Amino acid sequence: MSATGKYQAQEFKQLVDTNNITYAHLYLEQLMLFPVDIQDKIIEDISQLSYCNSDAIAQIFKQYSN
């Protein structure tokens, strides 16, 4: 995983950890230009992680980027 991808995942994790869903949506939209329905799926997938860390979040980002 690239350093940039890990940083983006850490930033997003911080938004989710603080329950800042509005900014999480905006972050995804600006970062990866995901449409809102995909943003919801990403947030849902992340919320279901048994152990939420930057690597797991980055993997989910990668999954939806392909």
Protein backbone atom coordinates (compact mmCIF):
# COMPACT_ATOMS: atom_id res chain seq x y z
CA MET A 1 0.00 0.00 0.00
CA SER A 2 1.31 3.44 -0.83
CA ALA A 3 2.01 6.05 1.82
CA THR A 4 -0.64 8.27 0.26
CA GLY A 5 -3.28 5.54 0.46
CA LYS A 6 -2.45 4.84 4.09
CA TYR A 7 -2.63 8.56 4.95
CA GLN A 8 -6.02 8.88 3.24
CA ALA A 9 -7.28 5.87 5.16
CA GLN A 10 -6.05 7.33 8.46
CA GLU A 11 -7.78 10.63 7.77
CA PHE A 12 -11.01 8.87 6.89
CA LYS A 13 -10.80 6.63 9.96
CA GLN A 14 -10.50 9.71 12.15
CA LEU A 15 -13.69 11.15 10.62
CA VAL A 16 -15.56 7.89 11.19
CA ASP A 17 -14.21 7.50 14.73
CA THR A 18 -15.52 10.94 15.65
CA ASN A 19 -18.92 10.15 14.10
CA ASN A 20 -18.49 12.94 11.59
CA ILE A 21 -20.41 11.26 8.78
CA THR A 22 -21.10 14.45 6.83
CA TYR A 23 -17.39 15.23 6.55
CA ALA A 24 -16.67 11.57 5.82
CA HIS A 25 -19.00 11.78 2.81
CA LEU A 26 -17.39 15.03 1.67
CA TYR A 27 -13.91 13.56 2.11
CA LEU A 28 -14.77 10.56 -0.06
CA GLU A 29 -16.41 12.74 -2.66
CA GLN A 30 -13.40 15.04 -2.95
CA LEU A 31 -10.81 12.33 -2.59
CA MET A 32 -12.09 9.75 -5.00
CA LEU A 33 -15.12 11.26 -6.65
CA PHE A 34 -17.31 8.40 -5.43
CA PRO A 35 -21.03 8.94 -5.96
CA VAL A 36 -23.14 9.14 -2.81
CA ASP A 37 -24.50 5.58 -3.08
CA ILE A 38 -20.95 4.18 -3.23
CA GLN A 39 -19.94 6.41 -0.31
CA ASP A 40 -22.74 4.85 1.73
CA LYS A 41 -21.51 1.36 0.83
CA ILE A 42 -17.93 2.26 1.81
CA ILE A 43 -19.04 3.68 5.15
CA GLU A 44 -21.22 0.61 5.77
CA ASP A 45 -18.33 -1.76 4.95
CA ILE A 46 -16.01 0.14 7.26
CA SER A 47 -18.56 0.17 10.07
CA GLN A 48 -18.76 -3.63 9.86
CA LEU A 49 -15.01 -4.22 10.23
CA SER A 50 -14.21 -6.30 13.29
CA TYR A 51 -10.90 -4.42 13.65
CA CYS A 52 -10.94 -1.00 12.04
CA ASN A 53 -7.47 0.17 11.08
CA SER A 54 -5.95 2.18 8.26
CA ASP A 55 -4.91 -0.91 6.29
CA ALA A 56 -8.43 -2.34 6.35
CA ILE A 57 -9.94 0.99 5.29
CA ALA A 58 -7.40 1.40 2.51
CA GLN A 59 -8.32 -2.08 1.26
CA ILE A 60 -12.00 -1.08 1.10
CA PHE A 61 -11.08 2.12 -0.78
CA LYS A 62 -9.09 0.03 -3.23
CA GLN A 63 -12.01 -2.38 -3.69
CA TYR A 64 -14.34 0.43 -4.75
CA SER A 65 -11.71 2.18 -6.86
CA ASN A 66 -11.36 -0.71 -9.28
